[in-house]
Amino acid sequence: MKCLKHQNADAVAVCMGCGMALCPICAGRSSEERFVCSDECAIRVRQSLSSTREGFEKSARSTRVAAWYTLAIGAVLLGLALLMGVAAHDWGSALYFLLMGPIGVVAGIALLMVSKRAPNSTLERDGRGAAARPSP
């Protein structure tokens, strides 16, 4: 693939903002360490990554809320199993709640673990706070 501006030069990257092939002369880097061809594309990439990060953060918050509700439901079901078995001597219902309660607890723990994962390796930050660099 050849650079769009310099037809003799081989492309070494693609602009993240517009998709144009870039040679070493044209390939600049945005503040997010992405290859861009212009300041306009750098702004476009920054806005796109920012909105993507915000979407992932909102999704993680929603998943954490769902996880806590699921854990609470599992705990309530375990409590009902104890109440039905000991107080009401209804062992059939107690067994049902005893089986369903741990499923809710395990599902809640799994959701908590999922909500703490990094959303995407291309959006992860390195130790200095800079975006992870693409390999050349």
N, C-alpha and C. Protein backbone atom coordinates (compact mmCIF):
# COMPACT_ATOMS: atom_id res chain seq x y z
N MET A 1 0.86 -1.16 0.00
CA MET A 1 0.00 0.00 0.00
C MET A 1 0.91 1.23 0.00
N LYS A 2 0.54 2.22 -0.78
CA LYS A 2 1.32 3.45 -0.92
C LYS A 2 0.63 4.60 -0.19
N CYS A 3 1.45 5.56 0.23
CA CYS A 3 0.95 6.76 0.90
C CYS A 3 0.06 7.54 -0.06
N LEU A 4 -1.03 8.09 0.45
CA LEU A 4 -1.94 8.84 -0.40
C LEU A 4 -1.32 10.14 -0.91
N LYS A 5 -0.52 10.81 -0.08
CA LYS A 5 0.10 12.08 -0.47
C LYS A 5 1.41 11.88 -1.24
N HIS A 6 2.19 10.87 -0.86
CA HIS A 6 3.48 10.60 -1.48
C HIS A 6 3.39 9.24 -2.18
N GLN A 7 3.03 9.25 -3.45
CA GLN A 7 2.73 8.03 -4.19
C GLN A 7 3.93 7.07 -4.30
N ASN A 8 5.16 7.59 -4.13
CA ASN A 8 6.36 6.75 -4.24
C ASN A 8 6.66 6.02 -2.94
N ALA A 9 6.16 6.52 -1.83
CA ALA A 9 6.52 5.97 -0.52
C ALA A 9 5.53 4.90 -0.08
N ASP A 10 6.08 3.85 0.53
CA ASP A 10 5.24 2.80 1.09
C ASP A 10 4.58 3.30 2.37
N ALA A 11 3.35 2.90 2.57
CA ALA A 11 2.64 3.27 3.78
C ALA A 11 3.13 2.42 4.94
N VAL A 12 3.28 3.05 6.10
CA VAL A 12 3.70 2.35 7.31
C VAL A 12 2.61 2.37 8.38
N ALA A 13 1.55 3.15 8.13
CA ALA A 13 0.47 3.27 9.12
C ALA A 13 -0.79 3.72 8.40
N VAL A 14 -1.89 3.68 9.13
CA VAL A 14 -3.17 4.17 8.63
C VAL A 14 -3.69 5.18 9.65
N CYS A 15 -4.17 6.31 9.15
CA CYS A 15 -4.71 7.35 10.02
C CYS A 15 -5.94 6.81 10.76
N MET A 16 -5.95 6.96 12.07
CA MET A 16 -7.08 6.49 12.89
C MET A 16 -8.30 7.40 12.72
N GLY A 17 -8.10 8.59 12.19
CA GLY A 17 -9.22 9.52 12.02
C GLY A 17 -9.95 9.38 10.71
N CYS A 18 -9.21 9.17 9.62
CA CYS A 18 -9.85 9.12 8.31
C CYS A 18 -9.54 7.86 7.51
N GLY A 19 -8.58 7.06 7.97
CA GLY A 19 -8.27 5.82 7.28
C GLY A 19 -7.29 5.96 6.13
N MET A 20 -6.67 7.12 5.99
CA MET A 20 -5.74 7.36 4.91
C MET A 20 -4.41 6.64 5.18
N ALA A 21 -3.81 6.06 4.12
CA ALA A 21 -2.50 5.41 4.24
C ALA A 21 -1.44 6.48 4.45
N LEU A 22 -0.50 6.22 5.38
CA LEU A 22 0.51 7.21 5.75
C LEU A 22 1.91 6.64 5.59
N CYS A 23 2.80 7.45 5.01
CA CYS A 23 4.22 7.10 4.95
C CYS A 23 4.90 7.64 6.21
N PRO A 24 6.19 7.34 6.42
CA PRO A 24 6.86 7.87 7.62
C PRO A 24 6.85 9.40 7.71
N ILE A 25 6.82 10.08 6.59
CA ILE A 25 6.80 11.55 6.60
C ILE A 25 5.44 12.06 7.09
N CYS A 26 4.36 11.43 6.65
CA CYS A 26 3.00 11.89 6.97
C CYS A 26 2.51 11.39 8.33
N ALA A 27 3.08 10.32 8.82
CA ALA A 27 2.55 9.69 10.04
C ALA A 27 2.92 10.50 11.26
N GLY A 28 1.94 11.18 11.81
CA GLY A 28 2.11 11.87 13.08
C GLY A 28 1.39 11.08 14.16
N ARG A 29 1.60 11.47 15.40
CA ARG A 29 0.92 10.76 16.49
C ARG A 29 0.09 11.76 17.29
N SER A 30 -1.08 11.31 17.67
CA SER A 30 -1.95 12.14 18.50
C SER A 30 -1.50 12.03 19.95
N SER A 31 -2.13 12.81 20.82
CA SER A 31 -1.80 12.75 22.24
C SER A 31 -2.15 11.39 22.83
N GLU A 32 -3.01 10.63 22.15
CA GLU A 32 -3.38 9.28 22.58
C GLU A 32 -2.46 8.23 21.97
N GLU A 33 -1.38 8.67 21.34
CA GLU A 33 -0.40 7.78 20.71
C GLU A 33 -1.01 6.97 19.57
N ARG A 34 -1.92 7.55 18.82
CA ARG A 34 -2.51 6.92 17.65
C ARG A 34 -1.97 7.65 16.41
N PHE A 35 -1.82 6.91 15.31
CA PHE A 35 -1.35 7.52 14.08
C PHE A 35 -2.44 8.39 13.48
N VAL A 36 -2.09 9.64 13.15
CA VAL A 36 -3.03 10.57 12.53
C VAL A 36 -2.31 11.35 11.44
N CYS A 37 -3.10 11.88 10.49
CA CYS A 37 -2.51 12.62 9.38
C CYS A 37 -2.60 14.13 9.58
N SER A 38 -3.47 14.58 10.49
CA SER A 38 -3.66 16.03 10.68
C SER A 38 -4.17 16.32 12.09
N ASP A 39 -4.19 17.60 12.42
CA ASP A 39 -4.73 18.02 13.71
C ASP A 39 -6.23 17.72 13.81
N GLU A 40 -6.95 17.85 12.68
CA GLU A 40 -8.38 17.56 12.68
C GLU A 40 -8.63 16.09 13.01
N CYS A 41 -7.82 15.20 12.43
CA CYS A 41 -7.97 13.78 12.73
C CYS A 41 -7.57 13.47 14.17
N ALA A 42 -6.58 14.18 14.70
CA ALA A 42 -6.19 13.99 16.10
C ALA A 42 -7.34 14.36 17.04
N ILE A 43 -8.04 15.45 16.72
CA ILE A 43 -9.20 15.85 17.52
C ILE A 43 -10.30 14.81 17.41
N ARG A 44 -10.55 14.33 16.20
CA ARG A 44 -11.58 13.31 15.98
C ARG A 44 -11.26 12.03 16.77
N VAL A 45 -10.01 11.60 16.75
CA VAL A 45 -9.60 10.39 17.47
C VAL A 45 -9.75 10.60 18.98
N ARG A 46 -9.34 11.76 19.47
CA ARG A 46 -9.45 12.06 20.91
C ARG A 46 -10.92 12.02 21.35
N GLN A 47 -11.81 12.62 20.57
CA GLN A 47 -13.23 12.63 20.91
C GLN A 47 -13.82 11.22 20.86
N SER A 48 -13.43 10.46 19.87
CA SER A 48 -13.94 9.10 19.73
C SER A 48 -13.49 8.22 20.89
N LEU A 49 -12.21 8.29 21.26
CA LEU A 49 -11.71 7.49 22.38
C LEU A 49 -12.34 7.92 23.69
N SER A 50 -12.57 9.23 23.85
CA SER A 50 -13.19 9.74 25.07
C SER A 50 -14.61 9.21 25.21
N SER A 51 -15.39 9.27 24.14
CA SER A 51 -16.77 8.79 24.22
C SER A 51 -16.81 7.28 24.40
N THR A 52 -15.86 6.56 23.82
CA THR A 52 -15.80 5.11 24.00
C THR A 52 -15.47 4.77 25.45
N ARG A 53 -14.52 5.47 26.03
CA ARG A 53 -14.18 5.25 27.44
C ARG A 53 -15.37 5.53 28.36
N GLU A 54 -16.09 6.63 28.06
CA GLU A 54 -17.26 6.96 28.87
C GLU A 54 -18.32 5.87 28.78
N GLY A 55 -18.52 5.33 27.58
CA GLY A 55 -19.48 4.24 27.40
C GLY A 55 -19.09 3.00 28.18
N PHE A 56 -17.80 2.66 28.16
CA PHE A 56 -17.33 1.51 28.92
C PHE A 56 -17.48 1.73 30.42
N GLU A 57 -17.21 2.95 30.89
CA GLU A 57 -17.36 3.24 32.31
C GLU A 57 -18.82 3.15 32.76
N LYS A 58 -19.74 3.65 31.93
CA LYS A 58 -21.16 3.54 32.27
C LYS A 58 -21.61 2.09 32.29
N SER A 59 -21.13 1.32 31.34
CA SER A 59 -21.47 -0.10 31.29
C SER A 59 -20.95 -0.83 32.52
N ALA A 60 -19.73 -0.51 32.94
CA ALA A 60 -19.16 -1.15 34.13
C ALA A 60 -19.96 -0.78 35.38
N ARG A 61 -20.38 0.49 35.48
CA ARG A 61 -21.20 0.90 36.63
C ARG A 61 -22.52 0.15 36.65
N SER A 62 -23.16 0.02 35.51
CA SER A 62 -24.43 -0.71 35.43
C SER A 62 -24.24 -2.18 35.80
N THR A 63 -23.15 -2.76 35.37
CA THR A 63 -22.87 -4.16 35.70
C THR A 63 -22.65 -4.32 37.20
N ARG A 64 -21.96 -3.36 37.83
CA ARG A 64 -21.75 -3.44 39.28
C ARG A 64 -23.07 -3.35 40.03
N VAL A 65 -23.97 -2.48 39.59
CA VAL A 65 -25.28 -2.36 40.24
C VAL A 65 -26.05 -3.68 40.09
N ALA A 66 -26.04 -4.25 38.89
CA ALA A 66 -26.72 -5.53 38.67
C ALA A 66 -26.09 -6.62 39.53
N ALA A 67 -24.78 -6.58 39.69
CA ALA A 67 -24.10 -7.59 40.52
C ALA A 67 -24.55 -7.50 41.97
N TRP A 68 -24.63 -6.29 42.51
CA TRP A 68 -25.05 -6.14 43.91
C TRP A 68 -26.50 -6.56 44.10
N TYR A 69 -27.37 -6.24 43.14
CA TYR A 69 -28.76 -6.69 43.24
C TYR A 69 -28.85 -8.21 43.18
N THR A 70 -28.06 -8.82 42.31
CA THR A 70 -28.07 -10.27 42.19
C THR A 70 -27.55 -10.92 43.48
N LEU A 71 -26.50 -10.35 44.05
CA LEU A 71 -26.01 -10.86 45.34
C LEU A 71 -27.07 -10.73 46.42
N ALA A 72 -27.75 -9.61 46.45
CA ALA A 72 -28.80 -9.40 47.46
C ALA A 72 -29.93 -10.40 47.29
N ILE A 73 -30.34 -10.65 46.06
CA ILE A 73 -31.41 -11.63 45.82
C ILE A 73 -30.96 -13.01 46.26
N GLY A 74 -29.71 -13.37 45.96
CA GLY A 74 -29.19 -14.66 46.40
C GLY A 74 -29.20 -14.78 47.92
N ALA A 75 -28.82 -13.71 48.60
CA ALA A 75 -28.82 -13.72 50.07
C ALA A 75 -30.24 -13.83 50.62
N VAL A 76 -31.18 -13.13 50.00
CA VAL A 76 -32.58 -13.21 50.43
C VAL A 76 -33.11 -14.63 50.24
N LEU A 77 -32.78 -15.26 49.13
CA LEU A 77 -33.22 -16.63 48.88
C LEU A 77 -32.63 -17.59 49.91
N LEU A 78 -31.38 -17.39 50.27
CA LEU A 78 -30.79 -18.23 51.31
C LEU A 78 -31.48 -18.00 52.65
N GLY A 79 -31.82 -16.77 52.95
CA GLY A 79 -32.56 -16.46 54.17
C GLY A 79 -33.94 -17.09 54.16
N LEU A 80 -34.61 -17.06 53.02
CA LEU A 80 -35.92 -17.70 52.91
C LEU A 80 -35.81 -19.22 53.09
N ALA A 81 -34.73 -19.80 52.58
CA ALA A 81 -34.53 -21.24 52.77
C ALA A 81 -34.43 -21.57 54.25
N LEU A 82 -33.67 -20.75 54.97
CA LEU A 82 -33.54 -20.96 56.41
C LEU A 82 -34.90 -20.78 57.11
N LEU A 83 -35.61 -19.73 56.74
CA LEU A 83 -36.91 -19.44 57.35
C LEU A 83 -37.92 -20.56 57.05
N MET A 84 -37.99 -20.98 55.80
CA MET A 84 -38.94 -22.03 55.42
C MET A 84 -38.61 -23.36 56.09
N GLY A 85 -37.34 -23.66 56.18
CA GLY A 85 -36.96 -24.94 56.76
C GLY A 85 -37.11 -24.99 58.25
N VAL A 86 -36.63 -23.97 58.94
CA VAL A 86 -36.62 -23.98 60.40
C VAL A 86 -37.97 -23.56 60.97
N ALA A 87 -38.49 -22.44 60.52
CA ALA A 87 -39.70 -21.90 61.13
C ALA A 87 -40.97 -22.58 60.62
N ALA A 88 -41.06 -22.79 59.30
CA ALA A 88 -42.31 -23.31 58.73
C ALA A 88 -42.27 -24.83 58.51
N HIS A 89 -41.13 -25.42 58.65
CA HIS A 89 -40.95 -26.85 58.41
C HIS A 89 -41.43 -27.27 57.02
N ASP A 90 -41.28 -26.36 56.07
CA ASP A 90 -41.65 -26.64 54.66
C ASP A 90 -40.35 -26.94 53.91
N TRP A 91 -39.93 -28.18 53.97
CA TRP A 91 -38.61 -28.55 53.43
C TRP A 91 -38.59 -28.53 51.91
N GLY A 92 -39.72 -28.70 51.25
CA GLY A 92 -39.75 -28.62 49.78
C GLY A 92 -39.39 -27.23 49.30
N SER A 93 -40.04 -26.23 49.88
CA SER A 93 -39.73 -24.83 49.51
C SER A 93 -38.33 -24.46 49.98
N ALA A 94 -37.94 -24.94 51.14
CA ALA A 94 -36.61 -24.63 51.66
C ALA A 94 -35.54 -25.16 50.72
N LEU A 95 -35.74 -26.37 50.18
CA LEU A 95 -34.77 -26.95 49.26
C LEU A 95 -34.67 -26.12 47.99
N TYR A 96 -35.81 -25.66 47.47
CA TYR A 96 -35.82 -24.81 46.28
C TYR A 96 -35.01 -23.54 46.52
N PHE A 97 -35.29 -22.86 47.61
CA PHE A 97 -34.58 -21.62 47.91
C PHE A 97 -33.10 -21.88 48.21
N LEU A 98 -32.82 -23.03 48.82
CA LEU A 98 -31.44 -23.38 49.12
C LEU A 98 -30.65 -23.65 47.84
N LEU A 99 -31.31 -24.14 46.81
CA LEU A 99 -30.65 -24.36 45.53
C LEU A 99 -30.52 -23.06 44.73
N MET A 100 -31.52 -22.20 44.78
CA MET A 100 -31.52 -20.96 43.99
C MET A 100 -30.65 -19.87 44.60
N GLY A 101 -30.54 -19.82 45.91
CA GLY A 101 -29.76 -18.79 46.59
C GLY A 101 -28.30 -18.77 46.16
N PRO A 102 -27.59 -19.92 46.21
CA PRO A 102 -26.19 -19.91 45.79
C PRO A 102 -26.00 -19.54 44.31
N ILE A 103 -26.98 -19.86 43.49
CA ILE A 103 -26.88 -19.47 42.07
C ILE A 103 -26.86 -17.95 41.97
N GLY A 104 -27.71 -17.27 42.73
CA GLY A 104 -27.70 -15.80 42.73
C GLY A 104 -26.41 -15.23 43.27
N VAL A 105 -25.87 -15.84 44.32
CA VAL A 105 -24.61 -15.36 44.89
C VAL A 105 -23.46 -15.53 43.90
N VAL A 106 -23.38 -16.71 43.28
CA VAL A 106 -22.30 -16.96 42.31
C VAL A 106 -22.44 -16.03 41.11
N ALA A 107 -23.66 -15.84 40.62
CA ALA A 107 -23.88 -14.93 39.49
C ALA A 107 -23.48 -13.50 39.85
N GLY A 108 -23.81 -13.07 41.07
CA GLY A 108 -23.42 -11.72 41.51
C GLY A 108 -21.92 -11.55 41.57
N ILE A 109 -21.22 -12.56 42.09
CA ILE A 109 -19.76 -12.50 42.17
C ILE A 109 -19.17 -12.46 40.77
N ALA A 110 -19.72 -13.28 39.86
CA ALA A 110 -19.22 -13.27 38.48
C ALA A 110 -19.42 -11.90 37.82
N LEU A 111 -20.57 -11.28 38.05
CA LEU A 111 -20.81 -9.95 37.49
C LEU A 111 -19.86 -8.91 38.07
N LEU A 112 -19.56 -9.02 39.36
CA LEU A 112 -18.59 -8.10 39.96
C LEU A 112 -17.21 -8.26 39.33
N MET A 113 -16.82 -9.49 39.07
CA MET A 113 -15.51 -9.72 38.46
C MET A 113 -15.48 -9.17 37.03
N VAL A 114 -16.57 -9.35 36.28
CA VAL A 114 -16.64 -8.84 34.92
C VAL A 114 -16.59 -7.31 34.92
N SER A 115 -17.24 -6.69 35.87
CA SER A 115 -17.29 -5.22 35.90
C SER A 115 -15.94 -4.59 36.22
N LYS A 116 -15.02 -5.36 36.79
CA LYS A 116 -13.70 -4.81 37.14
C LYS A 116 -12.66 -5.04 36.07
N ARG A 117 -12.99 -5.81 35.04
CA ARG A 117 -12.05 -6.08 33.96
C ARG A 117 -11.82 -4.84 33.11
N ALA A 118 -10.65 -4.77 32.49
CA ALA A 118 -10.37 -3.69 31.54
C ALA A 118 -11.25 -3.89 30.32
N PRO A 119 -11.90 -2.84 29.81
CA PRO A 119 -12.83 -3.00 28.72
C PRO A 119 -12.21 -3.44 27.41
N ASN A 120 -11.02 -2.93 27.11
CA ASN A 120 -10.43 -3.23 25.82
C ASN A 120 -8.96 -2.88 25.90
N SER A 121 -8.11 -3.77 25.43
CA SER A 121 -6.67 -3.54 25.55
C SER A 121 -6.22 -2.31 24.78
N THR A 122 -6.94 -1.90 23.74
CA THR A 122 -6.54 -0.71 23.00
C THR A 122 -6.85 0.56 23.76
N LEU A 123 -7.66 0.47 24.82
CA LEU A 123 -7.99 1.65 25.60
C LEU A 123 -7.28 1.67 26.94
N GLU A 124 -6.52 0.61 27.25
CA GLU A 124 -5.85 0.55 28.53
C GLU A 124 -4.76 1.61 28.60
N ARG A 125 -4.43 2.00 29.80
CA ARG A 125 -3.38 2.98 30.03
C ARG A 125 -2.15 2.29 30.58
N ASP A 126 -0.97 2.79 30.21
CA ASP A 126 0.23 2.22 30.82
C ASP A 126 0.51 2.95 32.13
N GLY A 127 1.57 2.61 32.82
CA GLY A 127 1.85 3.16 34.13
C GLY A 127 2.07 4.66 34.17
N ARG A 128 2.41 5.28 33.04
CA ARG A 128 2.65 6.72 33.02
C ARG A 128 1.40 7.52 32.70
N GLY A 129 0.29 6.84 32.46
CA GLY A 129 -0.94 7.55 32.13
C GLY A 129 -1.11 7.77 30.65
N ALA A 130 -0.15 7.31 29.83
CA ALA A 130 -0.28 7.46 28.38
C ALA A 130 -1.01 6.25 27.83
N ALA A 131 -1.61 6.45 26.68
CA ALA A 131 -2.33 5.33 26.06
C ALA A 131 -1.33 4.26 25.65
N ALA A 132 -1.79 3.03 25.65
CA ALA A 132 -0.94 1.92 25.22
C ALA A 132 -0.53 2.14 23.78
N ARG A 133 0.72 1.93 23.47
CA ARG A 133 1.23 2.20 22.13
C ARG A 133 1.01 1.04 21.20
N PRO A 134 0.58 1.33 19.97
CA PRO A 134 0.46 0.26 19.00
C PRO A 134 1.85 -0.21 18.58
N SER A 135 1.99 -1.46 18.28
CA SER A 135 3.30 -1.96 17.86
C SER A 135 3.60 -1.49 16.45
N PRO A 136 4.85 -1.06 16.19
CA PRO A 136 5.18 -0.53 14.85
C PRO A 136 5.25 -1.60 13.80
